[in-house]
N, C-alpha and C. Protein backbone atom coordinates (compact mmCIF):
# COMPACT_ATOMS: atom_id res chain seq x y z
N UNK A 1 0.94 -0.87 0.17
CA UNK A 1 0.20 -0.38 0.14
C UNK A 1 0.82 1.29 0.16
N UNK A 2 0.63 2.02 -0.86
CA UNK A 2 1.37 3.94 -0.82
C UNK A 2 1.30 3.92 0.69
N UNK A 3 2.85 5.00 0.62
CA UNK A 3 2.70 5.37 1.84
C UNK A 3 1.56 6.50 2.09
N UNK A 4 1.20 7.38 1.37
CA UNK A 4 0.24 8.43 1.22
C UNK A 4 -1.57 7.67 1.15
N UNK A 5 -1.70 6.50 0.77
CA UNK A 5 -3.19 6.05 1.21
C UNK A 5 -2.89 5.27 2.62
N UNK A 6 -1.65 5.00 2.74
CA UNK A 6 -1.63 4.48 4.21
C UNK A 6 -2.43 5.27 4.99
N UNK A 7 -1.70 6.45 4.97
CA UNK A 7 -1.73 7.51 6.25
C UNK A 7 -3.07 7.68 5.85
N UNK A 8 -3.84 7.97 5.05
CA UNK A 8 -5.02 7.81 4.93
C UNK A 8 -5.96 7.16 5.44
N UNK A 9 -5.97 6.19 5.47
CA UNK A 9 -6.62 4.79 5.72
C UNK A 9 -6.54 4.81 7.30
N UNK A 10 -5.14 5.37 7.93
CA UNK A 10 -4.58 5.23 9.01
C UNK A 10 -5.81 6.29 10.15
N UNK A 11 -5.72 7.90 8.79
CA UNK A 11 -6.15 8.52 9.33
C UNK A 11 -8.26 8.28 9.88
N UNK A 12 -8.61 7.65 9.04
CA UNK A 12 -9.77 7.33 8.64
C UNK A 12 -10.29 6.87 9.44
N UNK A 13 -9.80 5.60 9.69
CA UNK A 13 -10.38 4.30 11.03
C UNK A 13 -10.17 4.89 12.54
N UNK A 14 -8.46 5.43 12.22
CA UNK A 14 -7.96 5.90 13.82
C UNK A 14 -8.05 4.65 15.30
N UNK A 15 -7.92 3.13 14.81
CA UNK A 15 -7.70 2.24 15.48
C UNK A 15 -8.45 1.07 14.85
N UNK A 16 -8.42 -0.55 15.11
CA UNK A 16 -8.45 -1.34 14.80
C UNK A 16 -10.32 -1.53 13.91
N UNK A 17 -10.64 -1.75 12.91
CA UNK A 17 -11.92 -1.84 12.41
C UNK A 17 -12.47 -2.81 13.16
N UNK A 18 -12.20 -4.27 14.18
CA UNK A 18 -12.70 -5.06 14.29
C UNK A 18 -14.31 -4.74 14.72
N UNK A 19 -15.25 -4.96 14.83
CA UNK A 19 -16.05 -4.70 16.08
C UNK A 19 -16.04 -5.39 17.36
N UNK A 20 -16.08 -4.08 18.03
CA UNK A 20 -15.47 -4.41 19.54
C UNK A 20 -13.90 -4.53 19.78
N UNK A 21 -13.39 -3.92 19.21
CA UNK A 21 -11.75 -4.26 19.35
C UNK A 21 -11.18 -2.49 19.45
N UNK A 22 -10.98 -1.74 18.26
CA UNK A 22 -10.39 -0.22 18.44
C UNK A 22 -9.40 -0.42 18.87
N UNK A 23 -8.61 -1.59 18.69
CA UNK A 23 -7.23 -1.14 19.31
C UNK A 23 -6.45 -0.05 18.30
N UNK A 24 -5.31 0.57 19.15
CA UNK A 24 -4.37 1.78 18.28
C UNK A 24 -3.08 1.59 18.66
N UNK A 25 -2.97 0.35 19.20
CA UNK A 25 -1.56 -0.91 19.35
C UNK A 25 -0.82 -1.44 17.67
N UNK A 26 -0.20 -0.98 17.41
CA UNK A 26 0.58 -1.95 16.27
C UNK A 26 -0.17 -2.52 14.74
N UNK A 27 -0.72 -1.35 14.40
CA UNK A 27 -1.86 -1.50 13.73
C UNK A 27 -1.47 -1.21 11.83
N UNK A 28 -2.21 -1.97 11.08
CA UNK A 28 -1.53 -2.29 10.02
C UNK A 28 -2.74 -2.49 9.28
N UNK A 29 -2.72 -2.32 7.65
CA UNK A 29 -3.49 -2.42 6.93
C UNK A 29 -3.93 -3.51 6.10
N UNK A 30 -5.07 -3.47 6.02
CA UNK A 30 -5.19 -5.10 5.55
C UNK A 30 -6.44 -4.80 4.36
N UNK A 31 -6.16 -5.49 3.01
CA UNK A 31 -7.15 -5.45 1.69
C UNK A 31 -8.06 -6.49 2.01
N UNK A 32 -9.37 -6.17 1.88
CA UNK A 32 -10.55 -6.89 2.41
C UNK A 32 -10.47 -7.66 0.93
N UNK A 33 -10.34 -7.48 0.17
CA UNK A 33 -10.51 -8.56 -1.27
C UNK A 33 -9.26 -8.71 -0.93
N UNK A 34 -8.72 -10.04 -1.45
CA UNK A 34 -6.85 -10.10 -1.23
C UNK A 34 -7.25 -9.71 -2.23
N UNK A 35 -4.99 -9.06 -2.77
CA UNK A 35 -5.03 -8.15 -4.23
C UNK A 35 -4.99 -10.04 -4.72
N UNK A 36 -4.18 -11.02 -4.13
CA UNK A 36 -4.18 -12.38 -4.83
C UNK A 36 -5.60 -12.45 -5.58
N UNK A 37 -7.22 -12.17 -5.24
CA UNK A 37 -8.32 -12.30 -5.64
C UNK A 37 -8.49 -10.68 -6.80
N UNK A 38 -8.30 -10.22 -7.07
CA UNK A 38 -8.03 -8.92 -8.08
C UNK A 38 -8.51 -7.40 -6.81
N UNK A 39 -8.43 -7.61 -5.59
CA UNK A 39 -8.29 -6.70 -4.90
C UNK A 39 -7.61 -5.69 -5.01
N UNK A 40 -7.80 -4.19 -4.75
CA UNK A 40 -6.83 -3.30 -5.26
C UNK A 40 -6.67 -2.54 -3.85
N UNK A 41 -6.16 -0.67 -4.18
CA UNK A 41 -5.47 -0.06 -2.91
C UNK A 41 -6.23 1.29 -2.63
N UNK A 42 -7.69 0.72 -3.32
CA UNK A 42 -8.47 1.80 -3.63
C UNK A 42 -8.94 2.04 -1.49
N UNK A 43 -9.33 3.41 -1.51
CA UNK A 43 -9.95 3.28 -0.06
C UNK A 43 -10.76 2.22 0.47
N UNK A 44 -11.55 1.88 -0.29
CA UNK A 44 -13.09 1.02 -0.13
C UNK A 44 -12.38 -0.24 0.51
N UNK A 45 -11.03 -0.57 0.05
CA UNK A 45 -11.38 -1.64 -0.24
C UNK A 45 -10.13 -2.38 0.76
N UNK A 46 -9.91 -0.75 1.92
CA UNK A 46 -8.63 -0.96 2.64
C UNK A 46 -8.74 -1.07 4.30
N UNK A 47 -8.85 -1.83 5.22
CA UNK A 47 -9.26 -1.29 6.62
C UNK A 47 -8.40 -1.81 7.21
N UNK A 48 -8.71 -1.04 8.67
CA UNK A 48 -6.99 -0.89 9.73
C UNK A 48 -7.24 -1.80 10.47
N UNK A 49 -6.86 -2.95 10.63
CA UNK A 49 -6.52 -3.95 12.20
C UNK A 49 -4.90 -4.29 12.46
N UNK A 50 -5.28 -4.08 14.12
CA UNK A 50 -4.20 -4.35 14.93
C UNK A 50 -3.67 -5.52 14.63
N UNK A 51 -2.56 -6.03 15.29
CA UNK A 51 -1.51 -7.17 14.98
C UNK A 51 -2.69 -7.98 14.67
N UNK A 52 -2.98 -8.79 16.54
CA UNK A 52 -3.99 -9.41 16.44
C UNK A 52 -4.27 -9.88 15.40
N UNK A 53 -6.07 -9.17 15.17
CA UNK A 53 -6.54 -9.01 14.08
C UNK A 53 -6.48 -9.54 12.99
N UNK A 54 -5.13 -8.82 12.62
CA UNK A 54 -4.48 -9.02 10.93
C UNK A 54 -3.65 -10.29 10.77
N UNK A 55 -2.88 -10.91 11.74
CA UNK A 55 -1.97 -11.82 11.73
C UNK A 55 -2.72 -13.26 12.22
N UNK A 56 -3.01 -12.99 13.71
CA UNK A 56 -3.38 -14.57 13.95
C UNK A 56 -4.86 -14.59 13.64
N UNK A 57 -5.65 -13.58 13.68
CA UNK A 57 -7.23 -14.16 13.08
C UNK A 57 -7.56 -14.27 11.51
N UNK A 58 -7.28 -12.89 11.09
CA UNK A 58 -7.24 -13.12 9.46
C UNK A 58 -5.60 -13.99 8.64
N UNK A 59 -4.86 -13.71 8.63
CA UNK A 59 -4.04 -14.81 7.88
C UNK A 59 -3.76 -16.05 8.92
N UNK A 60 -3.51 -15.87 10.06
CA UNK A 60 -3.24 -17.42 11.14
C UNK A 60 -4.17 -18.55 10.46
N UNK A 61 -5.57 -18.00 10.32
CA UNK A 61 -6.24 -18.47 10.72
C UNK A 61 -7.00 -18.31 9.77
N UNK A 62 -6.88 -18.68 8.53
CA UNK A 62 -7.74 -18.42 7.08
C UNK A 62 -9.03 -17.86 7.16
N UNK A 63 -9.39 -16.48 8.85
CA UNK A 63 -10.55 -16.02 8.24
C UNK A 63 -10.12 -15.05 7.37
N UNK A 64 -11.86 -14.59 6.78
CA UNK A 64 -11.64 -13.47 6.45
C UNK A 64 -12.91 -12.21 6.93
N UNK A 65 -12.58 -10.63 6.30
CA UNK A 65 -13.12 -9.89 6.92
C UNK A 65 -14.65 -9.92 6.12
N UNK A 66 -15.72 -9.74 6.11
CA UNK A 66 -16.85 -9.19 5.79
C UNK A 66 -16.96 -7.88 4.92
N UNK A 67 -16.43 -8.70 3.78
CA UNK A 67 -16.64 -6.85 2.89
C UNK A 67 -17.97 -6.34 3.30
N UNK A 68 -19.31 -6.87 3.70
CA UNK A 68 -20.56 -6.24 4.13
C UNK A 68 -21.02 -4.93 5.10
N UNK A 69 -19.30 -5.95 6.56
CA UNK A 69 -20.04 -4.64 7.08
C UNK A 69 -19.46 -3.42 7.65
N UNK A 70 -19.85 -3.55 8.02
CA UNK A 70 -19.78 -2.11 8.56
C UNK A 70 -18.74 -1.57 8.82
N UNK A 71 -18.19 -0.33 7.53
CA UNK A 71 -16.30 0.49 7.77
C UNK A 71 -15.82 0.63 9.54
N UNK A 72 -17.00 0.52 10.65
CA UNK A 72 -16.35 0.46 11.67
C UNK A 72 -16.44 -0.13 12.77
N UNK A 73 -17.58 -1.06 12.38
CA UNK A 73 -17.85 -2.52 12.99
C UNK A 73 -17.32 -3.94 12.01
N UNK A 74 -15.90 -3.32 11.80
CA UNK A 74 -16.24 -4.93 10.76
C UNK A 74 -16.14 -6.39 11.63
N UNK A 75 -16.48 -7.10 11.00
CA UNK A 75 -16.40 -8.77 11.06
C UNK A 75 -15.88 -9.40 10.45
N UNK A 76 -15.58 -10.80 11.39
CA UNK A 76 -14.57 -11.67 10.48
C UNK A 76 -15.54 -13.06 10.50
N UNK A 77 -15.25 -13.64 9.39
CA UNK A 77 -15.93 -15.01 8.71
C UNK A 77 -14.66 -15.82 8.81
N UNK A 78 -15.59 -16.86 9.70
CA UNK A 78 -15.11 -18.54 9.63
C UNK A 78 -14.53 -18.74 8.38
N UNK A 79 -13.20 -19.53 8.15
CA UNK A 79 -12.94 -20.50 6.43
C UNK A 79 -14.59 -20.99 6.98
N UNK A 80 -14.86 -21.09 4.89
CA UNK A 80 -15.86 -21.51 5.01
C UNK A 80 -17.52 -21.25 5.41
N UNK A 81 -17.18 -20.65 5.62
CA UNK A 81 -18.99 -19.52 6.02
C UNK A 81 -18.97 -18.43 4.92
N UNK A 82 -20.28 -18.01 4.39
CA UNK A 82 -20.51 -16.57 3.88
C UNK A 82 -20.84 -15.82 4.51
N UNK A 83 -20.91 -14.47 4.06
CA UNK A 83 -20.76 -13.67 4.75
C UNK A 83 -22.43 -14.01 5.93
N UNK A 84 -22.75 -13.26 6.52
CA UNK A 84 -24.50 -12.96 6.84
C UNK A 84 -25.16 -12.48 5.72
């Protein structure tokens, strides 16, 4: 993610966007639709996650972010499940 876009996303979100988290520690930018699946660096496809939600929940356990969840109340979808 280009540095300018990263700053815009971090400023927009203000912390981890997973519903109930809001951590401001070790924030990272995540592609809601992965680049490998055609996702872009567009602001609408990027969200801020804390380190734990990004690496442990999403990448480590194969979870995804529900693309239809509200921007500051993102939901995690376990592997093999469709968005509600």
